Amino acid sequence: MKKIEDSHAHFANRACRFFPCHPNADANSFNCLFCYCPLYMLGEACGGSFTYTEKGVKDCSSCLLPHSDIGYDHITGHFSQIVETMQKDNRY
């Protein structure tokens, strides 16, 4: 769990009816800050543990990276890549 000085990087929404929303997640250390992972759009470059469904949709239901102790640093470390991807795809 994050230290008090890193409290901006972690919170748990225990009131959420889906908490914790991933199977086999440890509720005591689960981070809800990135409820919807901003790295989804990076496809295979996200660095998380994912699969693709038969229809080719990225399935992140087994990925705990954004909800882990290193999730905040990992995601914020990819912000420039997210912006670049958005600019290439005319999303920004």
PDB file of N, CA and C in Angstrom:
ATOM      1  N   MET A   1       0.840  -1.180   0.000  1.00  0.00           N
ATOM      2  CA  MET A   1       0.000   0.000   0.000  1.00  0.00           C
ATOM      3  C   MET A   1       0.885   1.244   0.000  1.00  0.00           C
ATOM      4  N   LYS A   2       0.436   2.299  -0.674  1.00  0.00           N
ATOM      5  CA  LYS A   2       1.194   3.546  -0.764  1.00  0.00           C
ATOM      6  C   LYS A   2       1.309   4.215   0.599  1.00  0.00           C
ATOM      7  N   LYS A   3       2.407   4.922   0.795  1.00  0.00           N
ATOM      8  CA  LYS A   3       2.633   5.678   2.016  1.00  0.00           C
ATOM      9  C   LYS A   3       1.777   6.934   1.986  1.00  0.00           C
ATOM     10  N   ILE A   4       1.596   7.553   3.129  1.00  0.00           N
ATOM     11  CA  ILE A   4       0.796   8.774   3.245  1.00  0.00           C
ATOM     12  C   ILE A   4       1.285   9.859   2.302  1.00  0.00           C
ATOM     13  N   GLU A   5       2.605  10.012   2.129  1.00  0.00           N
ATOM     14  CA  GLU A   5       3.111  11.057   1.235  1.00  0.00           C
ATOM     15  C   GLU A   5       2.793  10.771  -0.236  1.00  0.00           C
ATOM     16  N   ASP A   6       2.407   9.549  -0.551  1.00  0.00           N
ATOM     17  CA  ASP A   6       2.010   9.188  -1.910  1.00  0.00           C
ATOM     18  C   ASP A   6       0.494   9.024  -2.025  1.00  0.00           C
ATOM     19  N   SER A   7      -0.250   9.603  -1.099  1.00  0.00           N
ATOM     20  CA  SER A   7      -1.693   9.376  -1.061  1.00  0.00           C
ATOM     21  C   SER A   7      -2.414   9.904  -2.293  1.00  0.00           C
ATOM     22  N   HIS A   8      -1.801  10.800  -3.048  1.00  0.00           N
ATOM     23  CA  HIS A   8      -2.405  11.277  -4.295  1.00  0.00           C
ATOM     24  C   HIS A   8      -2.434  10.181  -5.353  1.00  0.00           C
ATOM     25  N   ALA A   9      -1.669   9.135  -5.144  1.00  0.00           N
ATOM     26  CA  ALA A   9      -1.520   8.072  -6.127  1.00  0.00           C
ATOM     27  C   ALA A   9      -2.341   6.829  -5.798  1.00  0.00           C
ATOM     28  N   HIS A  10      -3.141   6.898  -4.745  1.00  0.00           N
ATOM     29  CA  HIS A  10      -3.883   5.696  -4.357  1.00  0.00           C
ATOM     30  C   HIS A  10      -5.141   6.046  -3.575  1.00  0.00           C
ATOM     31  N   PHE A  11      -6.231   5.394  -3.922  1.00  0.00           N
ATOM     32  CA  PHE A  11      -7.413   5.402  -3.070  1.00  0.00           C
ATOM     33  C   PHE A  11      -8.251   4.171  -3.391  1.00  0.00           C
ATOM     34  N   ALA A  12      -9.025   3.753  -2.431  1.00  0.00           N
ATOM     35  CA  ALA A  12      -9.889   2.599  -2.607  1.00  0.00           C
ATOM     36  C   ALA A  12     -11.331   3.024  -2.381  1.00  0.00           C
ATOM     37  N   ASN A  13     -12.166   2.825  -3.372  1.00  0.00           N
ATOM     38  CA  ASN A  13     -13.575   3.167  -3.264  1.00  0.00           C
ATOM     39  C   ASN A  13     -14.339   1.931  -2.795  1.00  0.00           C
ATOM     40  N   ARG A  14     -14.279   1.687  -1.517  1.00  0.00           N
ATOM     41  CA  ARG A  14     -14.912   0.501  -0.944  1.00  0.00           C
ATOM     42  C   ARG A  14     -16.430   0.557  -1.005  1.00  0.00           C
ATOM     43  N   ALA A  15     -16.986   1.734  -1.262  1.00  0.00           N
ATOM     44  CA  ALA A  15     -18.439   1.861  -1.389  1.00  0.00           C
ATOM     45  C   ALA A  15     -18.939   1.449  -2.777  1.00  0.00           C
ATOM     46  N   CYS A  16     -18.037   1.283  -3.712  1.00  0.00           N
ATOM     47  CA  CYS A  16     -18.412   0.882  -5.075  1.00  0.00           C
ATOM     48  C   CYS A  16     -18.997  -0.523  -5.055  1.00  0.00           C
ATOM     49  N   ARG A  17     -20.090  -0.718  -5.742  1.00  0.00           N
ATOM     50  CA  ARG A  17     -20.727  -2.043  -5.735  1.00  0.00           C
ATOM     51  C   ARG A  17     -19.891  -3.092  -6.458  1.00  0.00           C
ATOM     52  N   PHE A  18     -18.875  -2.676  -7.211  1.00  0.00           N
ATOM     53  CA  PHE A  18     -18.014  -3.605  -7.934  1.00  0.00           C
ATOM     54  C   PHE A  18     -16.674  -3.856  -7.232  1.00  0.00           C
ATOM     55  N   PHE A  19     -16.469  -3.221  -6.096  1.00  0.00           N
ATOM     56  CA  PHE A  19     -15.172  -3.292  -5.409  1.00  0.00           C
ATOM     57  C   PHE A  19     -14.904  -4.665  -4.830  1.00  0.00           C
ATOM     58  N   PRO A  20     -13.711  -5.202  -5.011  1.00  0.00           N
ATOM     59  CA  PRO A  20     -12.783  -4.904  -6.097  1.00  0.00           C
ATOM     60  C   PRO A  20     -13.305  -5.532  -7.389  1.00  0.00           C
ATOM     61  N   CYS A  21     -13.079  -4.873  -8.481  1.00  0.00           N
ATOM     62  CA  CYS A  21     -13.720  -5.246  -9.747  1.00  0.00           C
ATOM     63  C   CYS A  21     -12.999  -6.323 -10.540  1.00  0.00           C
ATOM     64  N   HIS A  22     -11.847  -6.757 -10.091  1.00  0.00           N
ATOM     65  CA  HIS A  22     -11.094  -7.785 -10.814  1.00  0.00           C
ATOM     66  C   HIS A  22     -11.049  -9.071  -9.997  1.00  0.00           C
ATOM     67  N   PRO A  23     -11.167 -10.218 -10.669  1.00  0.00           N
ATOM     68  CA  PRO A  23     -11.080 -11.485  -9.939  1.00  0.00           C
ATOM     69  C   PRO A  23      -9.697 -11.658  -9.308  1.00  0.00           C
ATOM     70  N   ASN A  24      -9.670 -12.249  -8.158  1.00  0.00           N
ATOM     71  CA  ASN A  24      -8.431 -12.546  -7.424  1.00  0.00           C
ATOM     72  C   ASN A  24      -7.676 -11.301  -6.954  1.00  0.00           C
ATOM     73  N   ALA A  25      -8.323 -10.164  -6.925  1.00  0.00           N
ATOM     74  CA  ALA A  25      -7.667  -8.934  -6.463  1.00  0.00           C
ATOM     75  C   ALA A  25      -7.658  -8.889  -4.934  1.00  0.00           C
ATOM     76  N   ASP A  26      -6.602  -8.335  -4.375  1.00  0.00           N
ATOM     77  CA  ASP A  26      -6.498  -8.154  -2.937  1.00  0.00           C
ATOM     78  C   ASP A  26      -7.182  -6.838  -2.558  1.00  0.00           C
ATOM     79  N   ALA A  27      -8.302  -6.910  -1.902  1.00  0.00           N
ATOM     80  CA  ALA A  27      -9.070  -5.712  -1.541  1.00  0.00           C
ATOM     81  C   ALA A  27      -8.294  -4.780  -0.625  1.00  0.00           C
ATOM     82  N   ASN A  28      -7.338  -5.299   0.118  1.00  0.00           N
ATOM     83  CA  ASN A  28      -6.568  -4.471   1.054  1.00  0.00           C
ATOM     84  C   ASN A  28      -5.562  -3.560   0.371  1.00  0.00           C
ATOM     85  N   SER A  29      -5.162  -3.885  -0.850  1.00  0.00           N
ATOM     86  CA  SER A  29      -4.185  -3.043  -1.547  1.00  0.00           C
ATOM     87  C   SER A  29      -4.708  -2.553  -2.906  1.00  0.00           C
ATOM     88  N   PHE A  30      -5.972  -2.783  -3.190  1.00  0.00           N
ATOM     89  CA  PHE A  30      -6.552  -2.437  -4.491  1.00  0.00           C
ATOM     90  C   PHE A  30      -6.659  -0.923  -4.661  1.00  0.00           C
ATOM     91  N   ASN A  31      -6.155  -0.415  -5.795  1.00  0.00           N
ATOM     92  CA  ASN A  31      -6.163   1.016  -6.097  1.00  0.00           C
ATOM     93  C   ASN A  31      -7.226   1.307  -7.155  1.00  0.00           C
ATOM     94  N   CYS A  32      -8.179   2.157  -6.825  1.00  0.00           N
ATOM     95  CA  CYS A  32      -9.269   2.500  -7.733  1.00  0.00           C
ATOM     96  C   CYS A  32      -8.995   3.785  -8.523  1.00  0.00           C
ATOM     97  N   LEU A  33      -7.839   4.387  -8.348  1.00  0.00           N
ATOM     98  CA  LEU A  33      -7.553   5.673  -8.976  1.00  0.00           C
ATOM     99  C   LEU A  33      -7.782   5.645 -10.486  1.00  0.00           C
ATOM    100  N   PHE A  34      -7.309   4.601 -11.145  1.00  0.00           N
ATOM    101  CA  PHE A  34      -7.517   4.460 -12.581  1.00  0.00           C
ATOM    102  C   PHE A  34      -8.561   3.369 -12.810  1.00  0.00           C
ATOM    103  N   CYS A  35      -9.781   3.677 -12.440  1.00  0.00           N
ATOM    104  CA  CYS A  35     -10.881   2.734 -12.586  1.00  0.00           C
ATOM    105  C   CYS A  35     -10.976   2.278 -14.040  1.00  0.00           C
ATOM    106  N   TYR A  36     -10.887   3.213 -14.950  1.00  0.00           N
ATOM    107  CA  TYR A  36     -10.800   2.900 -16.379  1.00  0.00           C
ATOM    108  C   TYR A  36      -9.376   3.217 -16.800  1.00  0.00           C
ATOM    109  N   CYS A  37      -8.660   2.218 -17.233  1.00  0.00           N
ATOM    110  CA  CYS A  37      -7.239   2.370 -17.517  1.00  0.00           C
ATOM    111  C   CYS A  37      -6.990   3.223 -18.760  1.00  0.00           C
ATOM    112  N   PRO A  38      -6.254   4.325 -18.619  1.00  0.00           N
ATOM    113  CA  PRO A  38      -5.944   5.163 -19.776  1.00  0.00           C
ATOM    114  C   PRO A  38      -4.981   4.504 -20.757  1.00  0.00           C
ATOM    115  N   LEU A  39      -4.387   3.380 -20.366  1.00  0.00           N
ATOM    116  CA  LEU A  39      -3.449   2.689 -21.254  1.00  0.00           C
ATOM    117  C   LEU A  39      -4.142   1.738 -22.218  1.00  0.00           C
ATOM    118  N   TYR A  40      -5.428   1.547 -22.068  1.00  0.00           N
ATOM    119  CA  TYR A  40      -6.172   0.634 -22.947  1.00  0.00           C
ATOM    120  C   TYR A  40      -5.921   0.972 -24.411  1.00  0.00           C
ATOM    121  N   MET A  41      -5.926   2.237 -24.713  1.00  0.00           N
ATOM    122  CA  MET A  41      -5.782   2.704 -26.097  1.00  0.00           C
ATOM    123  C   MET A  41      -4.418   2.402 -26.711  1.00  0.00           C
ATOM    124  N   LEU A  42      -3.450   2.049 -25.889  1.00  0.00           N
ATOM    125  CA  LEU A  42      -2.115   1.762 -26.405  1.00  0.00           C
ATOM    126  C   LEU A  42      -1.991   0.333 -26.933  1.00  0.00           C
ATOM    127  N   GLY A  43      -3.064  -0.422 -26.835  1.00  0.00           N
ATOM    128  CA  GLY A  43      -3.044  -1.793 -27.340  1.00  0.00           C
ATOM    129  C   GLY A  43      -1.987  -2.624 -26.655  1.00  0.00           C
ATOM    130  N   GLU A  44      -1.172  -3.328 -27.438  1.00  0.00           N
ATOM    131  CA  GLU A  44      -0.165  -4.224 -26.880  1.00  0.00           C
ATOM    132  C   GLU A  44       0.971  -3.490 -26.172  1.00  0.00           C
ATOM    133  N   ALA A  45       1.095  -2.198 -26.359  1.00  0.00           N
ATOM    134  CA  ALA A  45       2.169  -1.415 -25.737  1.00  0.00           C
ATOM    135  C   ALA A  45       1.816  -0.943 -24.327  1.00  0.00           C
ATOM    136  N   CYS A  46       0.673  -1.346 -23.803  1.00  0.00           N
ATOM    137  CA  CYS A  46       0.250  -0.863 -22.482  1.00  0.00           C
ATOM    138  C   CYS A  46       1.106  -1.403 -21.346  1.00  0.00           C
ATOM    139  N   GLY A  47       1.671  -2.574 -21.516  1.00  0.00           N
ATOM    140  CA  GLY A  47       2.506  -3.154 -20.475  1.00  0.00           C
ATOM    141  C   GLY A  47       1.753  -3.996 -19.467  1.00  0.00           C
ATOM    142  N   GLY A  48       0.448  -4.121 -19.649  1.00  0.00           N
ATOM    143  CA  GLY A  48      -0.361  -4.904 -18.718  1.00  0.00           C
ATOM    144  C   GLY A  48      -0.570  -6.326 -19.198  1.00  0.00           C
ATOM    145  N   SER A  49      -1.301  -7.067 -18.402  1.00  0.00           N
ATOM    146  CA  SER A  49      -1.604  -8.465 -18.698  1.00  0.00           C
ATOM    147  C   SER A  49      -3.013  -8.529 -19.274  1.00  0.00           C
ATOM    148  N   PHE A  50      -3.114  -8.824 -20.544  1.00  0.00           N
ATOM    149  CA  PHE A  50      -4.408  -8.835 -21.209  1.00  0.00           C
ATOM    150  C   PHE A  50      -4.457  -9.953 -22.235  1.00  0.00           C
ATOM    151  N   THR A  51      -5.651 -10.183 -22.743  1.00  0.00           N
ATOM    152  CA  THR A  51      -5.857 -11.128 -23.833  1.00  0.00           C
ATOM    153  C   THR A  51      -6.774 -10.453 -24.841  1.00  0.00           C
ATOM    154  N   TYR A  52      -7.013 -11.115 -25.937  1.00  0.00           N
ATOM    155  CA  TYR A  52      -8.002 -10.644 -26.907  1.00  0.00           C
ATOM    156  C   TYR A  52      -9.123 -11.664 -26.979  1.00  0.00           C
ATOM    157  N   THR A  53     -10.341 -11.181 -27.082  1.00  0.00           N
ATOM    158  CA  THR A  53     -11.482 -12.078 -27.233  1.00  0.00           C
ATOM    159  C   THR A  53     -11.485 -12.636 -28.651  1.00  0.00           C
ATOM    160  N   GLU A  54     -12.358 -13.587 -28.902  1.00  0.00           N
ATOM    161  CA  GLU A  54     -12.479 -14.162 -30.236  1.00  0.00           C
ATOM    162  C   GLU A  54     -12.828 -13.108 -31.281  1.00  0.00           C
ATOM    163  N   LYS A  55     -13.491 -12.042 -30.850  1.00  0.00           N
ATOM    164  CA  LYS A  55     -13.880 -10.964 -31.761  1.00  0.00           C
ATOM    165  C   LYS A  55     -12.808  -9.891 -31.877  1.00  0.00           C
ATOM    166  N   GLY A  56     -11.661 -10.097 -31.238  1.00  0.00           N
ATOM    167  CA  GLY A  56     -10.554  -9.156 -31.343  1.00  0.00           C
ATOM    168  C   GLY A  56     -10.600  -7.984 -30.393  1.00  0.00           C
ATOM    169  N   VAL A  57     -11.432  -8.051 -29.369  1.00  0.00           N
ATOM    170  CA  VAL A  57     -11.547  -6.977 -28.387  1.00  0.00           C
ATOM    171  C   VAL A  57     -10.547  -7.238 -27.256  1.00  0.00           C
ATOM    172  N   LYS A  58      -9.824  -6.217 -26.878  1.00  0.00           N
ATOM    173  CA  LYS A  58      -8.847  -6.323 -25.790  1.00  0.00           C
ATOM    174  C   LYS A  58      -9.585  -6.568 -24.478  1.00  0.00           C
ATOM    175  N   ASP A  59      -9.206  -7.623 -23.777  1.00  0.00           N
ATOM    176  CA  ASP A  59      -9.834  -8.000 -22.518  1.00  0.00           C
ATOM    177  C   ASP A  59      -8.831  -7.828 -21.383  1.00  0.00           C
ATOM    178  N   CYS A  60      -9.067  -6.845 -20.530  1.00  0.00           N
ATOM    179  CA  CYS A  60      -8.150  -6.517 -19.437  1.00  0.00           C
ATOM    180  C   CYS A  60      -8.668  -6.999 -18.083  1.00  0.00           C
ATOM    181  N   SER A  61      -9.659  -7.864 -18.091  1.00  0.00           N
ATOM    182  CA  SER A  61     -10.287  -8.264 -16.835  1.00  0.00           C
ATOM    183  C   SER A  61      -9.334  -8.976 -15.874  1.00  0.00           C
ATOM    184  N   SER A  62      -8.254  -9.539 -16.362  1.00  0.00           N
ATOM    185  CA  SER A  62      -7.281 -10.195 -15.486  1.00  0.00           C
ATOM    186  C   SER A  62      -6.088  -9.310 -15.143  1.00  0.00           C
ATOM    187  N   CYS A  63      -6.066  -8.097 -15.648  1.00  0.00           N
ATOM    188  CA  CYS A  63      -4.928  -7.200 -15.429  1.00  0.00           C
ATOM    189  C   CYS A  63      -5.120  -6.378 -14.157  1.00  0.00           C
ATOM    190  N   LEU A  64      -4.143  -6.439 -13.295  1.00  0.00           N
ATOM    191  CA  LEU A  64      -4.187  -5.668 -12.051  1.00  0.00           C
ATOM    192  C   LEU A  64      -3.163  -4.534 -12.033  1.00  0.00           C
ATOM    193  N   LEU A  65      -2.459  -4.330 -13.134  1.00  0.00           N
ATOM    194  CA  LEU A  65      -1.404  -3.311 -13.175  1.00  0.00           C
ATOM    195  C   LEU A  65      -1.884  -1.931 -12.718  1.00  0.00           C
ATOM    196  N   PRO A  66      -2.974  -1.376 -13.262  1.00  0.00           N
ATOM    197  CA  PRO A  66      -3.369  -0.027 -12.821  1.00  0.00           C
ATOM    198  C   PRO A  66      -3.852   0.012 -11.370  1.00  0.00           C
ATOM    199  N   HIS A  67      -4.156  -1.134 -10.818  1.00  0.00           N
ATOM    200  CA  HIS A  67      -4.681  -1.207  -9.457  1.00  0.00           C
ATOM    201  C   HIS A  67      -3.621  -1.614  -8.436  1.00  0.00           C
ATOM    202  N   SER A  68      -2.382  -1.718  -8.882  1.00  0.00           N
ATOM    203  CA  SER A  68      -1.292  -2.163  -8.011  1.00  0.00           C
ATOM    204  C   SER A  68      -0.503  -0.973  -7.464  1.00  0.00           C
ATOM    205  N   ASP A  69       0.447  -1.264  -6.598  1.00  0.00           N
ATOM    206  CA  ASP A  69       1.298  -0.220  -6.013  1.00  0.00           C
ATOM    207  C   ASP A  69       2.147   0.499  -7.061  1.00  0.00           C
ATOM    208  N   ILE A  70       2.483  -0.173  -8.154  1.00  0.00           N
ATOM    209  CA  ILE A  70       3.295   0.462  -9.201  1.00  0.00           C
ATOM    210  C   ILE A  70       2.449   1.055 -10.320  1.00  0.00           C
ATOM    211  N   GLY A  71       1.137   0.868 -10.245  1.00  0.00           N
ATOM    212  CA  GLY A  71       0.237   1.311 -11.306  1.00  0.00           C
ATOM    213  C   GLY A  71       0.304   2.796 -11.606  1.00  0.00           C
ATOM    214  N   TYR A  72       0.296   3.627 -10.569  1.00  0.00           N
ATOM    215  CA  TYR A  72       0.319   5.079 -10.768  1.00  0.00           C
ATOM    216  C   TYR A  72       1.561   5.499 -11.542  1.00  0.00           C
ATOM    217  N   ASP A  73       2.726   5.040 -11.097  1.00  0.00           N
ATOM    218  CA  ASP A  73       3.979   5.411 -11.762  1.00  0.00           C
ATOM    219  C   ASP A  73       4.030   4.867 -13.189  1.00  0.00           C
ATOM    220  N   HIS A  74       3.544   3.661 -13.384  1.00  0.00           N
ATOM    221  CA  HIS A  74       3.544   3.066 -14.719  1.00  0.00           C
ATOM    222  C   HIS A  74       2.663   3.874 -15.673  1.00  0.00           C
ATOM    223  N   ILE A  75       1.462   4.202 -15.240  1.00  0.00           N
ATOM    224  CA  ILE A  75       0.523   4.934 -16.097  1.00  0.00           C
ATOM    225  C   ILE A  75       0.996   6.353 -16.361  1.00  0.00           C
ATOM    226  N   THR A  76       1.397   7.076 -15.329  1.00  0.00           N
ATOM    227  CA  THR A  76       1.845   8.457 -15.555  1.00  0.00           C
ATOM    228  C   THR A  76       3.114   8.492 -16.390  1.00  0.00           C
ATOM    229  N   GLY A  77       3.905   7.435 -16.332  1.00  0.00           N
ATOM    230  CA  GLY A  77       5.101   7.344 -17.156  1.00  0.00           C
ATOM    231  C   GLY A  77       4.795   7.160 -18.634  1.00  0.00           C
ATOM    232  N   HIS A  78       3.553   6.821 -18.954  1.00  0.00           N
ATOM    233  CA  HIS A  78       3.132   6.620 -20.343  1.00  0.00           C
ATOM    234  C   HIS A  78       2.256   7.763 -20.876  1.00  0.00           C
ATOM    235  N   PHE A  79       2.096   8.840 -20.116  1.00  0.00           N
ATOM    236  CA  PHE A  79       1.222   9.931 -20.559  1.00  0.00           C
ATOM    237  C   PHE A  79       1.638  10.516 -21.909  1.00  0.00           C
ATOM    238  N   SER A  80       2.930  10.694 -22.129  1.00  0.00           N
ATOM    239  CA  SER A  80       3.363  11.263 -23.418  1.00  0.00           C
ATOM    240  C   SER A  80       3.017  10.314 -24.566  1.00  0.00           C
ATOM    241  N   GLN A  81       3.112   9.029 -24.336  1.00  0.00           N
ATOM    242  CA  GLN A  81       2.748   8.046 -25.365  1.00  0.00           C
ATOM    243  C   GLN A  81       1.238   8.082 -25.635  1.00  0.00           C
ATOM    244  N   ILE A  82       0.438   8.304 -24.612  1.00  0.00           N
ATOM    245  CA  ILE A  82      -1.009   8.433 -24.780  1.00  0.00           C
ATOM    246  C   ILE A  82      -1.321   9.655 -25.638  1.00  0.00           C
ATOM    247  N   VAL A  83      -0.687  10.789 -25.324  1.00  0.00           N
ATOM    248  CA  VAL A  83      -0.902  12.015 -26.095  1.00  0.00           C
ATOM    249  C   VAL A  83      -0.490  11.821 -27.553  1.00  0.00           C
ATOM    250  N   GLU A  84       0.656  11.203 -27.782  1.00  0.00           N
ATOM    251  CA  GLU A  84       1.116  10.947 -29.151  1.00  0.00           C
ATOM    252  C   GLU A  84       0.120  10.082 -29.915  1.00  0.00           C
ATOM    253  N   THR A  85      -0.393   9.064 -29.264  1.00  0.00           N
ATOM    254  CA  THR A  85      -1.369   8.170 -29.899  1.00  0.00           C
ATOM    255  C   THR A  85      -2.650   8.919 -30.221  1.00  0.00           C
ATOM    256  N   MET A  86      -3.086   9.766 -29.309  1.00  0.00           N
ATOM    257  CA  MET A  86      -4.293  10.557 -29.547  1.00  0.00           C
ATOM    258  C   MET A  86      -4.094  11.512 -30.717  1.00  0.00           C
ATOM    259  N   GLN A  87      -2.936  12.116 -30.817  1.00  0.00           N
ATOM    260  CA  GLN A  87      -2.658  13.043 -31.912  1.00  0.00           C
ATOM    261  C   GLN A  87      -2.606  12.319 -33.249  1.00  0.00           C
ATOM    262  N   LYS A  88      -2.022  11.132 -33.286  1.00  0.00           N
ATOM    263  CA  LYS A  88      -1.952  10.343 -34.528  1.00  0.00           C
ATOM    264  C   LYS A  88      -3.341   9.932 -34.992  1.00  0.00           C
ATOM    265  N   ASP A  89      -4.187   9.609 -34.028  1.00  0.00           N
ATOM    266  CA  ASP A  89      -5.539   9.139 -34.350  1.00  0.00           C
ATOM    267  C   ASP A  89      -6.554  10.271 -34.448  1.00  0.00           C
ATOM    268  N   ASN A  90      -6.063  11.519 -34.402  1.00  0.00           N
ATOM    269  CA  ASN A  90      -6.937  12.709 -34.455  1.00  0.00           C
ATOM    270  C   ASN A  90      -7.976  12.703 -33.345  1.00  0.00           C
ATOM    271  N   ARG A  91      -7.604  12.204 -32.191  1.00  0.00           N
ATOM    272  CA  ARG A  91      -8.523  12.199 -31.043  1.00  0.00           C
ATOM    273  C   ARG A  91      -8.307  13.429 -30.167  1.00  0.00           C
ATOM    274  N   TYR A  92      -7.262  14.181 -30.452  1.00  0.00           N
ATOM    275  CA  TYR A  92      -6.921  15.305 -29.585  1.00  0.00           C
ATOM    276  C   TYR A  92      -6.935  16.574 -30.377  1.00  0.00           C
TER     277      TYR A  92
END
